[in-house]
Protein backbone atom coordinates (compact mmCIF):
# COMPACT_ATOMS: atom_id res chain seq x y z
CA UNK A 1 84.29 56.87 102.60
CA UNK A 2 82.75 53.94 104.34
CA UNK A 3 80.28 54.95 107.36
CA UNK A 4 79.91 52.33 110.11
CA UNK A 5 76.80 52.57 112.22
CA UNK A 6 76.68 51.61 115.83
CA UNK A 7 73.82 51.01 118.14
CA UNK A 8 72.97 50.15 121.51
CA UNK A 9 70.83 46.97 122.34
CA UNK A 10 67.30 48.85 121.95
CA UNK A 11 68.93 51.05 119.25
CA UNK A 12 67.81 54.46 121.12
CA UNK A 13 71.56 55.56 121.14
CA UNK A 14 73.78 55.43 118.03
CA UNK A 15 76.94 56.37 116.33
CA UNK A 16 78.15 57.13 113.00
CA UNK A 17 81.79 56.32 112.46
CA UNK A 18 83.38 57.66 109.35
CA UNK A 19 86.18 55.75 107.44
CA UNK A 20 88.52 53.04 109.22
CA UNK A 21 89.29 53.00 112.83
CA UNK A 22 92.60 54.14 114.10
CA UNK A 23 93.12 50.58 115.76
CA UNK A 24 90.72 47.83 117.05
CA UNK A 25 91.83 46.49 120.42
CA UNK A 26 91.33 43.62 122.88
CA UNK A 27 91.68 44.70 126.46
CA UNK A 28 91.76 42.17 129.16
CA UNK A 29 91.71 44.26 132.08
CA UNK A 30 89.88 43.68 135.17
CA UNK A 31 87.44 46.58 134.11
CA UNK A 32 86.82 45.68 130.39
CA UNK A 33 85.94 42.11 131.68
CA UNK A 34 83.29 43.94 134.39
CA UNK A 35 81.83 46.05 132.08
CA UNK A 36 81.49 43.33 129.37
CA UNK A 37 80.37 40.60 131.49
CA UNK A 38 82.53 38.46 129.45
CA UNK A 39 86.34 37.82 129.52
CA UNK A 40 87.83 40.74 127.64
CA UNK A 41 86.89 43.95 125.96
CA UNK A 42 87.23 44.82 121.89
CA UNK A 43 87.20 48.74 121.06
CA UNK A 44 87.60 50.42 117.87
CA UNK A 45 89.32 53.36 118.33
CA UNK A 46 88.12 56.43 116.07
CA UNK A 47 88.93 60.05 115.39
CA UNK A 48 86.90 62.16 117.61
CA UNK A 49 85.60 64.53 114.44
CA UNK A 50 84.49 61.27 112.49
CA UNK A 51 81.77 60.36 114.75
CA UNK A 52 78.33 61.79 114.95
CA UNK A 53 76.18 60.51 118.29
CA UNK A 54 72.84 60.67 118.38
CA UNK A 55 70.25 59.64 120.99
CA UNK A 56 70.64 59.56 125.27
CA UNK A 57 73.10 58.38 127.07
CA UNK A 58 74.60 58.05 130.64
CA UNK A 59 77.83 58.68 131.79
CA UNK A 60 80.56 56.82 134.35
CA UNK A 61 83.48 57.30 135.04
CA UNK A 62 86.41 55.15 136.30
CA UNK A 63 90.00 55.10 136.57
CA UNK A 64 91.89 53.04 134.22
CA UNK A 65 94.87 50.09 135.02
CA UNK A 66 97.09 53.04 133.60
CA UNK A 67 95.24 55.43 135.86
CA UNK A 68 93.51 57.90 133.58
CA UNK A 69 90.32 58.23 133.96
CA UNK A 70 87.92 56.70 131.30
CA UNK A 71 84.47 57.78 131.04
CA UNK A 72 81.84 55.71 129.69
CA UNK A 73 78.47 56.30 128.12
CA UNK A 74 75.73 53.63 128.06
CA UNK A 75 72.09 53.83 127.27
CA UNK A 76 69.40 54.58 129.84
CA UNK A 77 66.92 52.39 128.33
CA UNK A 78 68.45 49.41 127.92
CA UNK A 79 72.08 49.41 129.78
CA UNK A 80 74.77 48.64 126.51
CA UNK A 81 78.05 50.38 126.73
CA UNK A 82 78.51 51.71 123.20
CA UNK A 83 81.15 53.96 123.19
CA UNK A 84 83.65 55.62 125.59
CA UNK A 85 86.45 58.12 125.88
CA UNK A 86 90.17 57.70 127.56
CA UNK A 87 91.45 60.83 128.94
CA UNK A 88 94.71 59.17 128.01
CA UNK A 89 93.75 60.15 124.57
CA UNK A 90 91.61 63.12 123.95
CA UNK A 91 92.04 62.61 120.60
CA UNK A 92 89.68 59.49 119.87
CA UNK A 93 86.63 58.01 121.11
CA UNK A 94 86.70 54.33 121.69
CA UNK A 95 83.53 52.17 119.99
CA UNK A 96 82.37 49.20 121.63
CA UNK A 97 82.99 46.67 118.62
CA UNK A 98 80.17 44.55 119.49
CA UNK A 99 77.60 47.69 118.88
CA UNK A 100 78.83 47.52 115.16
CA UNK A 101 77.25 43.89 115.06
CA UNK A 102 78.99 43.56 112.06
CA UNK A 103 80.96 40.12 111.30
CA UNK A 104 83.01 41.47 108.61
CA UNK A 105 84.60 44.84 110.91
CA UNK A 106 88.29 44.63 111.14
CA UNK A 107 89.58 42.42 113.83
CA UNK A 108 91.83 43.16 116.85
CA UNK A 109 95.36 44.19 115.57
CA UNK A 110 96.83 44.04 119.10
CA UNK A 111 96.11 43.14 122.84
CA UNK A 112 96.53 44.67 126.20
CA UNK A 113 96.65 43.94 130.16
CA UNK A 114 97.47 40.18 129.26
CA UNK A 115 98.58 39.33 132.47
CA UNK A 116 94.55 39.44 133.35
CA UNK A 117 94.38 37.26 130.01
CA UNK A 118 91.75 34.04 130.76
CA UNK A 119 94.36 31.31 129.86
CA UNK A 120 91.50 29.78 127.45
CA UNK A 121 91.51 32.64 125.61
CA UNK A 122 93.15 33.28 122.22
CA UNK A 123 94.39 37.03 121.35
CA UNK A 124 96.37 38.69 118.65
CA UNK A 125 99.92 38.86 119.26
């Protein structure tokens, strides 16, 4: 079984993810834009039982565009958001694809909140 490692920028907060992600999604919502400082966020969703977490993290809860709360977990040292828990999907944990720093990571298979997509950003159909 493949094990993928994700971490924050300073390496203090680490996740080990077993197997393939359930899905990989590119999100154009305004909150993901603010969270990443980019034009979108990309999340890999793994079953909660397939993730182990080490290190210290802080939390930030916010409502999502769908109205459900999302609990973001970030490194208190470097500020990187590494993973989050969407309450509308309690069986999975979302991990920031950039935290894997792996160019071979599976590409997104869907794009959500496309109404907020910057027109120059290409997205999976």
